[in-house]
Structures are given as C-alpha cells and as structure tokens.
Amino acid sequence: MSADRIDKLLQDIRLVDEDRHALVQALREQILKLDKGVTEEVKYGGLLFSASKPFCGVFSYAKHVSLEFGEGASLPDKYQMLEGEGKFRRHIKLTSQQQIKDKHVQAYLLLALKAATPA
C-alpha cells in the first residue's frame, strides 16, 4: 500500500481533530508493533491492518475512533469491551489515549492477530 495514501488520510484526520489524530497514531503504533509482518492500507475510509489476512481496522469518526474487528464475534470478550451485534464484526469505541489501556486494547489486538495468523 502506498505510504502516500496513509499519510494523506492521517493528515486529513489531523486537520479535523488533533486529539483524534493522536489517538489514531497511538493505535497504529501499537498494532504495527504486534508483529513484523503486520501491514496497513487505506480501505473503507480508514486503516486496515493485516497479517496473513485482515485482523483489525482503525476508523476516525466525528466524536470517537473505532477499533474494528471483522471477526470480532468469535473473539473471547473477557473484559466485555466489544460492541456490536452483527453476525461477525465487533468494535471498541475510543475517545482518549487512556482508554487504550483502560479498555484492554492490547489483549484484543493479540487475540485478533492470533485468530488471523495460521498456526
């Protein structure tokens, strides 16, 4: 994926809201550190992250940032943080960087990555 498209999306988010931009950047850093094979691309209006297949996405909205899991319904939800009632997708809404820790985002990211990576 072109780094230019990623940079353009991040600049657009920054122009609208510095705090949401910082939150998106914090999530990006955490996701990309999960494994050296994690890639990102602009898709569906946000950032889609993949290992051997897509495992999560980060989307900036007017009042929050959503961390989306395409196969989230199959993830264990020990901390009861996953929202959504669709057949597959679940998400975690975030409004501050502190919520990354408070909502146990790292644990959910590891579960999603593990589910997307062949054994």
PDB file of N, CA and C in Angstrom:
ATOM      1  N   MET A   1       0.847  -1.179   0.000  1.00  0.00           N
ATOM      2  CA  MET A   1       0.000   0.000   0.000  1.00  0.00           C
ATOM      3  C   MET A   1       0.884   1.230   0.000  1.00  0.00           C
ATOM      4  N   SER A   2       0.472   2.181  -0.722  1.00  0.00           N
ATOM      5  CA  SER A   2       1.218   3.421  -0.827  1.00  0.00           C
ATOM      6  C   SER A   2       1.227   4.180   0.500  1.00  0.00           C
ATOM      7  N   ALA A   3       2.425   4.495   0.948  1.00  0.00           N
ATOM      8  CA  ALA A   3       2.552   5.295   2.176  1.00  0.00           C
ATOM      9  C   ALA A   3       1.924   6.663   1.981  1.00  0.00           C
ATOM     10  N   ASP A   4       1.869   7.140   0.730  1.00  0.00           N
ATOM     11  CA  ASP A   4       1.257   8.441   0.445  1.00  0.00           C
ATOM     12  C   ASP A   4      -0.219   8.459   0.810  1.00  0.00           C
ATOM     13  N   ARG A   5      -0.930   7.380   0.512  1.00  0.00           N
ATOM     14  CA  ARG A   5      -2.363   7.310   0.843  1.00  0.00           C
ATOM     15  C   ARG A   5      -2.561   7.294   2.353  1.00  0.00           C
ATOM     16  N   ILE A   6      -1.706   6.581   3.049  1.00  0.00           N
ATOM     17  CA  ILE A   6      -1.786   6.534   4.513  1.00  0.00           C
ATOM     18  C   ILE A   6      -1.495   7.914   5.082  1.00  0.00           C
ATOM     19  N   ASP A   7      -0.427   8.546   4.605  1.00  0.00           N
ATOM     20  CA  ASP A   7      -0.076   9.891   5.077  1.00  0.00           C
ATOM     21  C   ASP A   7      -1.202  10.891   4.809  1.00  0.00           C
ATOM     22  N   LYS A   8      -1.824  10.799   3.641  1.00  0.00           N
ATOM     23  CA  LYS A   8      -2.920  11.712   3.286  1.00  0.00           C
ATOM     24  C   LYS A   8      -4.097  11.535   4.239  1.00  0.00           C
ATOM     25  N   LEU A   9      -4.452  10.289   4.518  1.00  0.00           N
ATOM     26  CA  LEU A   9      -5.555  10.039   5.451  1.00  0.00           C
ATOM     27  C   LEU A   9      -5.220  10.596   6.829  1.00  0.00           C
ATOM     28  N   LEU A  10      -4.013  10.366   7.301  1.00  0.00           N
ATOM     29  CA  LEU A  10      -3.603  10.862   8.621  1.00  0.00           C
ATOM     30  C   LEU A  10      -3.603  12.389   8.657  1.00  0.00           C
ATOM     31  N   GLN A  11      -3.168  13.028   7.577  1.00  0.00           N
ATOM     32  CA  GLN A  11      -3.202  14.494   7.523  1.00  0.00           C
ATOM     33  C   GLN A  11      -4.640  15.002   7.564  1.00  0.00           C
ATOM     34  N   ASP A  12      -5.534  14.335   6.861  1.00  0.00           N
ATOM     35  CA  ASP A  12      -6.944  14.729   6.873  1.00  0.00           C
ATOM     36  C   ASP A  12      -7.534  14.625   8.274  1.00  0.00           C
ATOM     37  N   ILE A  13      -7.204  13.575   8.983  1.00  0.00           N
ATOM     38  CA  ILE A  13      -7.691  13.406  10.360  1.00  0.00           C
ATOM     39  C   ILE A  13      -7.127  14.507  11.243  1.00  0.00           C
ATOM     40  N   ARG A  14      -5.839  14.805  11.086  1.00  0.00           N
ATOM     41  CA  ARG A  14      -5.193  15.845  11.888  1.00  0.00           C
ATOM     42  C   ARG A  14      -5.859  17.206  11.661  1.00  0.00           C
ATOM     43  N   LEU A  15      -6.214  17.518  10.423  1.00  0.00           N
ATOM     44  CA  LEU A  15      -6.854  18.797  10.103  1.00  0.00           C
ATOM     45  C   LEU A  15      -8.202  18.951  10.793  1.00  0.00           C
ATOM     46  N   VAL A  16      -8.888  17.844  10.974  1.00  0.00           N
ATOM     47  CA  VAL A  16     -10.211  17.873  11.605  1.00  0.00           C
ATOM     48  C   VAL A  16     -10.108  17.907  13.124  1.00  0.00           C
ATOM     49  N   ASP A  17      -9.186  17.100  13.698  1.00  0.00           N
ATOM     50  CA  ASP A  17      -9.118  16.997  15.162  1.00  0.00           C
ATOM     51  C   ASP A  17      -7.759  16.426  15.585  1.00  0.00           C
ATOM     52  N   GLU A  18      -6.956  17.245  16.228  1.00  0.00           N
ATOM     53  CA  GLU A  18      -5.615  16.822  16.683  1.00  0.00           C
ATOM     54  C   GLU A  18      -5.682  15.653  17.664  1.00  0.00           C
ATOM     55  N   ASP A  19      -6.660  15.681  18.575  1.00  0.00           N
ATOM     56  CA  ASP A  19      -6.755  14.617  19.579  1.00  0.00           C
ATOM     57  C   ASP A  19      -7.087  13.269  18.934  1.00  0.00           C
ATOM     58  N   ARG A  20      -8.007  13.281  17.977  1.00  0.00           N
ATOM     59  CA  ARG A  20      -8.324  12.030  17.288  1.00  0.00           C
ATOM     60  C   ARG A  20      -7.132  11.553  16.467  1.00  0.00           C
ATOM     61  N   HIS A  21      -6.401  12.473  15.877  1.00  0.00           N
ATOM     62  CA  HIS A  21      -5.190  12.100  15.138  1.00  0.00           C
ATOM     63  C   HIS A  21      -4.191  11.418  16.072  1.00  0.00           C
ATOM     64  N   ALA A  22      -3.981  11.985  17.247  1.00  0.00           N
ATOM     65  CA  ALA A  22      -3.052  11.398  18.215  1.00  0.00           C
ATOM     66  C   ALA A  22      -3.521  10.008  18.642  1.00  0.00           C
ATOM     67  N   LEU A  23      -4.816   9.841  18.797  1.00  0.00           N
ATOM     68  CA  LEU A  23      -5.373   8.546  19.185  1.00  0.00           C
ATOM     69  C   LEU A  23      -5.167   7.516  18.064  1.00  0.00           C
ATOM     70  N   VAL A  24      -5.427   7.915  16.831  1.00  0.00           N
ATOM     71  CA  VAL A  24      -5.198   7.020  15.691  1.00  0.00           C
ATOM     72  C   VAL A  24      -3.720   6.633  15.617  1.00  0.00           C
ATOM     73  N   GLN A  25      -2.846   7.595  15.794  1.00  0.00           N
ATOM     74  CA  GLN A  25      -1.407   7.313  15.743  1.00  0.00           C
ATOM     75  C   GLN A  25      -0.989   6.351  16.859  1.00  0.00           C
ATOM     76  N   ALA A  26      -1.527   6.546  18.051  1.00  0.00           N
ATOM     77  CA  ALA A  26      -1.194   5.649  19.170  1.00  0.00           C
ATOM     78  C   ALA A  26      -1.657   4.223  18.866  1.00  0.00           C
ATOM     79  N   LEU A  27      -2.844   4.081  18.290  1.00  0.00           N
ATOM     80  CA  LEU A  27      -3.335   2.754  17.916  1.00  0.00           C
ATOM     81  C   LEU A  27      -2.470   2.142  16.819  1.00  0.00           C
ATOM     82  N   ARG A  28      -2.121   2.928  15.803  1.00  0.00           N
ATOM     83  CA  ARG A  28      -1.253   2.448  14.720  1.00  0.00           C
ATOM     84  C   ARG A  28       0.051   1.894  15.277  1.00  0.00           C
ATOM     85  N   GLU A  29       0.682   2.656  16.147  1.00  0.00           N
ATOM     86  CA  GLU A  29       1.957   2.223  16.721  1.00  0.00           C
ATOM     87  C   GLU A  29       1.800   0.892  17.443  1.00  0.00           C
ATOM     88  N   GLN A  30       0.747   0.778  18.238  1.00  0.00           N
ATOM     89  CA  GLN A  30       0.537  -0.448  18.998  1.00  0.00           C
ATOM     90  C   GLN A  30       0.283  -1.631  18.060  1.00  0.00           C
ATOM     91  N   ILE A  31      -0.508  -1.423  17.029  1.00  0.00           N
ATOM     92  CA  ILE A  31      -0.836  -2.507  16.096  1.00  0.00           C
ATOM     93  C   ILE A  31       0.397  -2.925  15.301  1.00  0.00           C
ATOM     94  N   LEU A  32       1.134  -1.964  14.785  1.00  0.00           N
ATOM     95  CA  LEU A  32       2.301  -2.289  13.961  1.00  0.00           C
ATOM     96  C   LEU A  32       3.413  -2.963  14.760  1.00  0.00           C
ATOM     97  N   LYS A  33       3.449  -2.760  16.068  1.00  0.00           N
ATOM     98  CA  LYS A  33       4.449  -3.408  16.926  1.00  0.00           C
ATOM     99  C   LYS A  33       4.090  -4.856  17.269  1.00  0.00           C
ATOM    100  N   LEU A  34       2.872  -5.281  16.962  1.00  0.00           N
ATOM    101  CA  LEU A  34       2.446  -6.632  17.311  1.00  0.00           C
ATOM    102  C   LEU A  34       3.324  -7.692  16.653  1.00  0.00           C
ATOM    103  N   ASP A  35       3.685  -7.455  15.396  1.00  0.00           N
ATOM    104  CA  ASP A  35       4.432  -8.450  14.634  1.00  0.00           C
ATOM    105  C   ASP A  35       5.053  -7.752  13.431  1.00  0.00           C
ATOM    106  N   LYS A  36       6.245  -8.156  13.061  1.00  0.00           N
ATOM    107  CA  LYS A  36       6.927  -7.506  11.934  1.00  0.00           C
ATOM    108  C   LYS A  36       6.198  -7.728  10.611  1.00  0.00           C
ATOM    109  N   GLY A  37       5.328  -8.707  10.537  1.00  0.00           N
ATOM    110  CA  GLY A  37       4.588  -8.987   9.310  1.00  0.00           C
ATOM    111  C   GLY A  37       3.288  -8.212   9.163  1.00  0.00           C
ATOM    112  N   VAL A  38       2.942  -7.379  10.138  1.00  0.00           N
ATOM    113  CA  VAL A  38       1.691  -6.614  10.072  1.00  0.00           C
ATOM    114  C   VAL A  38       1.843  -5.495   9.044  1.00  0.00           C
ATOM    115  N   THR A  39       0.856  -5.398   8.158  1.00  0.00           N
ATOM    116  CA  THR A  39       0.835  -4.344   7.147  1.00  0.00           C
ATOM    117  C   THR A  39      -0.413  -3.493   7.330  1.00  0.00           C
ATOM    118  N   GLU A  40      -0.389  -2.298   6.739  1.00  0.00           N
ATOM    119  CA  GLU A  40      -1.567  -1.432   6.799  1.00  0.00           C
ATOM    120  C   GLU A  40      -1.851  -0.871   5.421  1.00  0.00           C
ATOM    121  N   GLU A  41      -3.126  -0.589   5.199  1.00  0.00           N
ATOM    122  CA  GLU A  41      -3.555   0.024   3.955  1.00  0.00           C
ATOM    123  C   GLU A  41      -4.793   0.869   4.227  1.00  0.00           C
ATOM    124  N   VAL A  42      -5.033   1.834   3.341  1.00  0.00           N
ATOM    125  CA  VAL A  42      -6.249   2.635   3.423  1.00  0.00           C
ATOM    126  C   VAL A  42      -7.352   1.854   2.721  1.00  0.00           C
ATOM    127  N   LYS A  43      -8.426   1.601   3.463  1.00  0.00           N
ATOM    128  CA  LYS A  43      -9.545   0.849   2.902  1.00  0.00           C
ATOM    129  C   LYS A  43     -10.790   1.153   3.719  1.00  0.00           C
ATOM    130  N   TYR A  44     -11.923   1.266   3.052  1.00  0.00           N
ATOM    131  CA  TYR A  44     -13.202   1.523   3.714  1.00  0.00           C
ATOM    132  C   TYR A  44     -13.200   2.837   4.500  1.00  0.00           C
ATOM    133  N   GLY A  45     -12.365   3.778   4.105  1.00  0.00           N
ATOM    134  CA  GLY A  45     -12.325   5.075   4.775  1.00  0.00           C
ATOM    135  C   GLY A  45     -11.481   5.115   6.033  1.00  0.00           C
ATOM    136  N   GLY A  46     -10.731   4.068   6.282  1.00  0.00           N
ATOM    137  CA  GLY A  46      -9.871   4.011   7.468  1.00  0.00           C
ATOM    138  C   GLY A  46      -8.619   3.225   7.163  1.00  0.00           C
ATOM    139  N   LEU A  47      -7.980   2.752   8.219  1.00  0.00           N
ATOM    140  CA  LEU A  47      -6.757   1.958   8.085  1.00  0.00           C
ATOM    141  C   LEU A  47      -7.078   0.504   8.398  1.00  0.00           C
ATOM    142  N   LEU A  48      -6.765  -0.367   7.461  1.00  0.00           N
ATOM    143  CA  LEU A  48      -6.994  -1.795   7.635  1.00  0.00           C
ATOM    144  C   LEU A  48      -5.640  -2.468   7.846  1.00  0.00           C
ATOM    145  N   PHE A  49      -5.550  -3.284   8.895  1.00  0.00           N
ATOM    146  CA  PHE A  49      -4.302  -3.959   9.252  1.00  0.00           C
ATOM    147  C   PHE A  49      -4.438  -5.453   8.988  1.00  0.00           C
ATOM    148  N   SER A  50      -3.376  -6.020   8.409  1.00  0.00           N
ATOM    149  CA  SER A  50      -3.394  -7.432   8.040  1.00  0.00           C
ATOM    150  C   SER A  50      -2.120  -8.115   8.499  1.00  0.00           C
ATOM    151  N   ALA A  51      -2.244  -9.404   8.734  1.00  0.00           N
ATOM    152  CA  ALA A  51      -1.081 -10.275   8.925  1.00  0.00           C
ATOM    153  C   ALA A  51      -1.152 -11.196   7.712  1.00  0.00           C
ATOM    154  N   SER A  52      -1.574 -12.434   7.868  1.00  0.00           N
ATOM    155  CA  SER A  52      -1.818 -13.254   6.682  1.00  0.00           C
ATOM    156  C   SER A  52      -3.176 -12.904   6.073  1.00  0.00           C
ATOM    157  N   LYS A  53      -4.043 -12.305   6.886  1.00  0.00           N
ATOM    158  CA  LYS A  53      -5.327 -11.778   6.418  1.00  0.00           C
ATOM    159  C   LYS A  53      -5.696 -10.597   7.325  1.00  0.00           C
ATOM    160  N   PRO A  54      -6.658  -9.773   6.922  1.00  0.00           N
ATOM    161  CA  PRO A  54      -7.031  -8.621   7.755  1.00  0.00           C
ATOM    162  C   PRO A  54      -7.500  -9.065   9.139  1.00  0.00           C
ATOM    163  N   PHE A  55      -7.067  -8.316  10.171  1.00  0.00           N
ATOM    164  CA  PHE A  55      -7.498  -8.673  11.525  1.00  0.00           C
ATOM    165  C   PHE A  55      -8.082  -7.504  12.306  1.00  0.00           C
ATOM    166  N   CYS A  56      -7.835  -6.263  11.867  1.00  0.00           N
ATOM    167  CA  CYS A  56      -8.471  -5.128  12.535  1.00  0.00           C
ATOM    168  C   CYS A  56      -8.387  -3.891  11.659  1.00  0.00           C
ATOM    169  N   GLY A  57      -9.166  -2.888  12.023  1.00  0.00           N
ATOM    170  CA  GLY A  57      -9.142  -1.618  11.323  1.00  0.00           C
ATOM    171  C   GLY A  57      -9.331  -0.484  12.310  1.00  0.00           C
ATOM    172  N   VAL A  58      -8.820   0.683  11.940  1.00  0.00           N
ATOM    173  CA  VAL A  58      -8.952   1.882  12.765  1.00  0.00           C
ATOM    174  C   VAL A  58      -9.667   2.929  11.921  1.00  0.00           C
ATOM    175  N   PHE A  59     -10.778   3.440  12.446  1.00  0.00           N
ATOM    176  CA  PHE A  59     -11.612   4.386  11.724  1.00  0.00           C
ATOM    177  C   PHE A  59     -11.906   5.586  12.621  1.00  0.00           C
ATOM    178  N   SER A  60     -11.699   6.776  12.065  1.00  0.00           N
ATOM    179  CA  SER A  60     -11.934   8.008  12.804  1.00  0.00           C
ATOM    180  C   SER A  60     -13.311   8.554  12.452  1.00  0.00           C
ATOM    181  N   TYR A  61     -14.102   8.810  13.468  1.00  0.00           N
ATOM    182  CA  TYR A  61     -15.444   9.371  13.305  1.00  0.00           C
ATOM    183  C   TYR A  61     -15.498  10.743  13.978  1.00  0.00           C
ATOM    184  N   ALA A  62     -16.632  11.396  13.911  1.00  0.00           N
ATOM    185  CA  ALA A  62     -16.764  12.770  14.417  1.00  0.00           C
ATOM    186  C   ALA A  62     -16.439  12.896  15.903  1.00  0.00           C
ATOM    187  N   LYS A  63     -16.817  11.917  16.706  1.00  0.00           N
ATOM    188  CA  LYS A  63     -16.633  12.055  18.147  1.00  0.00           C
ATOM    189  C   LYS A  63     -15.821  10.934  18.783  1.00  0.00           C
ATOM    190  N   HIS A  64     -15.350   9.980  17.979  1.00  0.00           N
ATOM    191  CA  HIS A  64     -14.577   8.876  18.532  1.00  0.00           C
ATOM    192  C   HIS A  64     -13.748   8.203  17.440  1.00  0.00           C
ATOM    193  N   VAL A  65     -12.900   7.303  17.872  1.00  0.00           N
ATOM    194  CA  VAL A  65     -12.151   6.425  16.970  1.00  0.00           C
ATOM    195  C   VAL A  65     -12.633   5.014  17.266  1.00  0.00           C
ATOM    196  N   SER A  66     -12.861   4.264  16.217  1.00  0.00           N
ATOM    197  CA  SER A  66     -13.352   2.901  16.371  1.00  0.00           C
ATOM    198  C   SER A  66     -12.268   1.911  15.966  1.00  0.00           C
ATOM    199  N   LEU A  67     -11.998   0.973  16.838  1.00  0.00           N
ATOM    200  CA  LEU A  67     -11.112  -0.143  16.542  1.00  0.00           C
ATOM    201  C   LEU A  67     -12.019  -1.307  16.173  1.00  0.00           C
ATOM    202  N   GLU A  68     -11.981  -1.704  14.907  1.00  0.00           N
ATOM    203  CA  GLU A  68     -12.926  -2.683  14.376  1.00  0.00           C
ATOM    204  C   GLU A  68     -12.256  -4.049  14.200  1.00  0.00           C
ATOM    205  N   PHE A  69     -13.005  -5.078  14.522  1.00  0.00           N
ATOM    206  CA  PHE A  69     -12.547  -6.456  14.334  1.00  0.00           C
ATOM    207  C   PHE A  69     -13.544  -7.161  13.432  1.00  0.00           C
ATOM    208  N   GLY A  70     -13.117  -7.483  12.205  1.00  0.00           N
ATOM    209  CA  GLY A  70     -14.001  -8.120  11.235  1.00  0.00           C
ATOM    210  C   GLY A  70     -14.540  -9.460  11.700  1.00  0.00           C
ATOM    211  N   GLU A  71     -13.771 -10.170  12.501  1.00  0.00           N
ATOM    212  CA  GLU A  71     -14.182 -11.466  13.050  1.00  0.00           C
ATOM    213  C   GLU A  71     -14.352 -11.360  14.565  1.00  0.00           C
ATOM    214  N   GLY A  72     -14.718 -10.178  15.023  1.00  0.00           N
ATOM    215  CA  GLY A  72     -14.800  -9.904  16.457  1.00  0.00           C
ATOM    216  C   GLY A  72     -15.799 -10.753  17.216  1.00  0.00           C
ATOM    217  N   ALA A  73     -16.859 -11.200  16.553  1.00  0.00           N
ATOM    218  CA  ALA A  73     -17.862 -12.019  17.241  1.00  0.00           C
ATOM    219  C   ALA A  73     -17.278 -13.339  17.725  1.00  0.00           C
ATOM    220  N   SER A  74     -16.196 -13.782  17.103  1.00  0.00           N
ATOM    221  CA  SER A  74     -15.589 -15.054  17.508  1.00  0.00           C
ATOM    222  C   SER A  74     -14.481 -14.874  18.553  1.00  0.00           C
ATOM    223  N   LEU A  75     -14.165 -13.618  18.899  1.00  0.00           N
ATOM    224  CA  LEU A  75     -13.116 -13.368  19.894  1.00  0.00           C
ATOM    225  C   LEU A  75     -13.665 -13.511  21.311  1.00  0.00           C
ATOM    226  N   PRO A  76     -12.883 -14.101  22.224  1.00  0.00           N
ATOM    227  CA  PRO A  76     -13.298 -14.099  23.628  1.00  0.00           C
ATOM    228  C   PRO A  76     -13.372 -12.654  24.116  1.00  0.00           C
ATOM    229  N   ASP A  77     -14.386 -12.321  24.887  1.00  0.00           N
ATOM    230  CA  ASP A  77     -14.593 -10.942  25.344  1.00  0.00           C
ATOM    231  C   ASP A  77     -14.503 -10.879  26.870  1.00  0.00           C
ATOM    232  N   LYS A  78     -13.366 -11.272  27.398  1.00  0.00           N
ATOM    233  CA  LYS A  78     -13.120 -11.353  28.836  1.00  0.00           C
ATOM    234  C   LYS A  78     -13.463 -10.048  29.567  1.00  0.00           C
ATOM    235  N   TYR A  79     -13.161  -8.921  28.950  1.00  0.00           N
ATOM    236  CA  TYR A  79     -13.349  -7.618  29.605  1.00  0.00           C
ATOM    237  C   TYR A  79     -14.660  -6.943  29.224  1.00  0.00           C
ATOM    238  N   GLN A  80     -15.473  -7.596  28.406  1.00  0.00           N
ATOM    239  CA  GLN A  80     -16.775  -7.071  27.985  1.00  0.00           C
ATOM    240  C   GLN A  80     -16.662  -5.682  27.345  1.00  0.00           C
ATOM    241  N   MET A  81     -15.685  -5.512  26.467  1.00  0.00           N
ATOM    242  CA  MET A  81     -15.446  -4.228  25.798  1.00  0.00           C
ATOM    243  C   MET A  81     -15.934  -4.205  24.356  1.00  0.00           C
ATOM    244  N   LEU A  82     -16.178  -5.364  23.767  1.00  0.00           N
ATOM    245  CA  LEU A  82     -16.581  -5.417  22.368  1.00  0.00           C
ATOM    246  C   LEU A  82     -18.040  -5.004  22.203  1.00  0.00           C
ATOM    247  N   GLU A  83     -18.277  -4.100  21.257  1.00  0.00           N
ATOM    248  CA  GLU A  83     -19.625  -3.630  20.965  1.00  0.00           C
ATOM    249  C   GLU A  83     -20.048  -4.117  19.596  1.00  0.00           C
ATOM    250  N   GLY A  84     -21.342  -4.169  19.378  1.00  0.00           N
ATOM    251  CA  GLY A  84     -21.890  -4.562  18.090  1.00  0.00           C
ATOM    252  C   GLY A  84     -22.658  -5.862  18.202  1.00  0.00           C
ATOM    253  N   GLU A  85     -23.632  -6.021  17.328  1.00  0.00           N
ATOM    254  CA  GLU A  85     -24.485  -7.203  17.381  1.00  0.00           C
ATOM    255  C   GLU A  85     -24.597  -7.905  16.045  1.00  0.00           C
ATOM    256  N   GLY A  86     -23.719  -7.546  15.094  1.00  0.00           N
ATOM    257  CA  GLY A  86     -23.747  -8.197  13.787  1.00  0.00           C
ATOM    258  C   GLY A  86     -23.282  -9.634  13.861  1.00  0.00           C
ATOM    259  N   LYS A  87     -23.373 -10.303  12.743  1.00  0.00           N
ATOM    260  CA  LYS A  87     -23.006 -11.712  12.686  1.00  0.00           C
ATOM    261  C   LYS A  87     -21.514 -11.922  12.937  1.00  0.00           C
ATOM    262  N   PHE A  88     -20.653 -10.978  12.473  1.00  0.00           N
ATOM    263  CA  PHE A  88     -19.216 -11.156  12.591  1.00  0.00           C
ATOM    264  C   PHE A  88     -18.502  -9.997  13.292  1.00  0.00           C
ATOM    265  N   ARG A  89     -18.762  -8.786  12.879  1.00  0.00           N
ATOM    266  CA  ARG A  89     -17.984  -7.612  13.280  1.00  0.00           C
ATOM    267  C   ARG A  89     -18.287  -7.170  14.711  1.00  0.00           C
ATOM    268  N   ARG A  90     -17.206  -6.736  15.395  1.00  0.00           N
ATOM    269  CA  ARG A  90     -17.316  -6.096  16.708  1.00  0.00           C
ATOM    270  C   ARG A  90     -16.341  -4.930  16.717  1.00  0.00           C
ATOM    271  N   HIS A  91     -16.543  -3.988  17.623  1.00  0.00           N
ATOM    272  CA  HIS A  91     -15.668  -2.821  17.686  1.00  0.00           C
ATOM    273  C   HIS A  91     -15.526  -2.333  19.122  1.00  0.00           C
ATOM    274  N   ILE A  92     -14.509  -1.524  19.326  1.00  0.00           N
ATOM    275  CA  ILE A  92     -14.286  -0.841  20.596  1.00  0.00           C
ATOM    276  C   ILE A  92     -14.214   0.644  20.272  1.00  0.00           C
ATOM    277  N   LYS A  93     -15.092   1.444  20.882  1.00  0.00           N
ATOM    278  CA  LYS A  93     -15.079   2.894  20.679  1.00  0.00           C
ATOM    279  C   LYS A  93     -14.095   3.515  21.670  1.00  0.00           C
ATOM    280  N   LEU A  94     -13.265   4.422  21.155  1.00  0.00           N
ATOM    281  CA  LEU A  94     -12.260   5.087  21.975  1.00  0.00           C
ATOM    282  C   LEU A  94     -12.360   6.600  21.789  1.00  0.00           C
ATOM    283  N   THR A  95     -12.262   7.327  22.894  1.00  0.00           N
ATOM    284  CA  THR A  95     -12.292   8.788  22.823  1.00  0.00           C
ATOM    285  C   THR A  95     -11.033   9.432  23.392  1.00  0.00           C
ATOM    286  N   SER A  96     -10.147   8.613  23.970  1.00  0.00           N
ATOM    287  CA  SER A  96      -8.888   9.142  24.515  1.00  0.00           C
ATOM    288  C   SER A  96      -7.822   8.054  24.477  1.00  0.00           C
ATOM    289  N   GLN A  97      -6.571   8.485  24.524  1.00  0.00           N
ATOM    290  CA  GLN A  97      -5.474   7.516  24.536  1.00  0.00           C
ATOM    291  C   GLN A  97      -5.492   6.675  25.815  1.00  0.00           C
ATOM    292  N   GLN A  98      -5.951   7.239  26.909  1.00  0.00           N
ATOM    293  CA  GLN A  98      -6.023   6.486  28.161  1.00  0.00           C
ATOM    294  C   GLN A  98      -6.925   5.258  28.018  1.00  0.00           C
ATOM    295  N   GLN A  99      -7.949   5.371  27.186  1.00  0.00           N
ATOM    296  CA  GLN A  99      -8.863   4.244  27.004  1.00  0.00           C
ATOM    297  C   GLN A  99      -8.197   3.056  26.311  1.00  0.00           C
ATOM    298  N   ILE A 100      -7.102   3.279  25.616  1.00  0.00           N
ATOM    299  CA  ILE A 100      -6.372   2.150  25.013  1.00  0.00           C
ATOM    300  C   ILE A 100      -5.986   1.170  26.118  1.00  0.00           C
ATOM    301  N   LYS A 101      -5.531   1.694  27.220  1.00  0.00           N
ATOM    302  CA  LYS A 101      -5.172   0.846  28.367  1.00  0.00           C
ATOM    303  C   LYS A 101      -6.430   0.405  29.125  1.00  0.00           C
ATOM    304  N   ASP A 102      -7.295   1.368  29.421  1.00  0.00           N
ATOM    305  CA  ASP A 102      -8.488   1.079  30.225  1.00  0.00           C
ATOM    306  C   ASP A 102      -9.390   0.025  29.601  1.00  0.00           C
ATOM    307  N   LYS A 103      -9.447  -0.009  28.276  1.00  0.00           N
ATOM    308  CA  LYS A 103     -10.326  -0.953  27.572  1.00  0.00           C
ATOM    309  C   LYS A 103      -9.574  -2.200  27.089  1.00  0.00           C
ATOM    310  N   HIS A 104      -8.353  -2.398  27.588  1.00  0.00           N
ATOM    311  CA  HIS A 104      -7.582  -3.623  27.333  1.00  0.00           C
ATOM    312  C   HIS A 104      -7.372  -3.889  25.837  1.00  0.00           C
ATOM    313  N   VAL A 105      -7.113  -2.829  25.080  1.00  0.00           N
ATOM    314  CA  VAL A 105      -6.968  -2.936  23.635  1.00  0.00           C
ATOM    315  C   VAL A 105      -5.876  -3.930  23.252  1.00  0.00           C
ATOM    316  N   GLN A 106      -4.760  -3.919  23.945  1.00  0.00           N
ATOM    317  CA  GLN A 106      -3.655  -4.829  23.611  1.00  0.00           C
ATOM    318  C   GLN A 106      -4.114  -6.282  23.635  1.00  0.00           C
ATOM    319  N   ALA A 107      -4.883  -6.660  24.629  1.00  0.00           N
ATOM    320  CA  ALA A 107      -5.357  -8.042  24.730  1.00  0.00           C
ATOM    321  C   ALA A 107      -6.228  -8.411  23.530  1.00  0.00           C
ATOM    322  N   TYR A 108      -7.115  -7.499  23.135  1.00  0.00           N
ATOM    323  CA  TYR A 108      -7.983  -7.772  21.988  1.00  0.00           C
ATOM    324  C   TYR A 108      -7.193  -7.823  20.686  1.00  0.00           C
ATOM    325  N   LEU A 109      -6.202  -6.961  20.545  1.00  0.00           N
ATOM    326  CA  LEU A 109      -5.366  -6.979  19.347  1.00  0.00           C
ATOM    327  C   LEU A 109      -4.627  -8.295  19.219  1.00  0.00           C
ATOM    328  N   LEU A 110      -4.095  -8.785  20.321  1.00  0.00           N
ATOM    329  CA  LEU A 110      -3.363 -10.068  20.296  1.00  0.00           C
ATOM    330  C   LEU A 110      -4.281 -11.222  19.925  1.00  0.00           C
ATOM    331  N   LEU A 111      -5.502 -11.201  20.462  1.00  0.00           N
ATOM    332  CA  LEU A 111      -6.477 -12.256  20.118  1.00  0.00           C
ATOM    333  C   LEU A 111      -6.831 -12.206  18.631  1.00  0.00           C
ATOM    334  N   ALA A 112      -7.063 -11.001  18.119  1.00  0.00           N
ATOM    335  CA  ALA A 112      -7.440 -10.849  16.708  1.00  0.00           C
ATOM    336  C   ALA A 112      -6.292 -11.274  15.795  1.00  0.00           C
ATOM    337  N   LEU A 113      -5.067 -10.871  16.150  1.00  0.00           N
ATOM    338  CA  LEU A 113      -3.909 -11.259  15.343  1.00  0.00           C
ATOM    339  C   LEU A 113      -3.737 -12.771  15.354  1.00  0.00           C
ATOM    340  N   LYS A 114      -3.865 -13.378  16.512  1.00  0.00           N
ATOM    341  CA  LYS A 114      -3.724 -14.829  16.619  1.00  0.00           C
ATOM    342  C   LYS A 114      -4.776 -15.536  15.766  1.00  0.00           C
ATOM    343  N   ALA A 115      -5.996 -15.021  15.793  1.00  0.00           N
ATOM    344  CA  ALA A 115      -7.083 -15.644  15.003  1.00  0.00           C
ATOM    345  C   ALA A 115      -6.831 -15.510  13.503  1.00  0.00           C
ATOM    346  N   ALA A 116      -6.109 -14.463  13.088  1.00  0.00           N
ATOM    347  CA  ALA A 116      -5.850 -14.219  11.665  1.00  0.00           C
ATOM    348  C   ALA A 116      -4.585 -14.886  11.155  1.00  0.00           C
ATOM    349  N   THR A 117      -3.790 -15.429  12.066  1.00  0.00           N
ATOM    350  CA  THR A 117      -2.493 -15.999  11.687  1.00  0.00           C
ATOM    351  C   THR A 117      -2.585 -17.523  11.693  1.00  0.00           C
ATOM    352  N   PRO A 118      -2.205 -18.166  10.596  1.00  0.00           N
ATOM    353  CA  PRO A 118      -2.249 -19.625  10.576  1.00  0.00           C
ATOM    354  C   PRO A 118      -1.288 -20.238  11.595  1.00  0.00           C
ATOM    355  N   ALA A 119      -1.714 -21.320  12.191  1.00  0.00           N
ATOM    356  CA  ALA A 119      -0.896 -21.986  13.218  1.00  0.00           C
ATOM    357  C   ALA A 119       0.304 -22.671  12.645  1.00  0.00           C
TER     358      ALA A 119
END
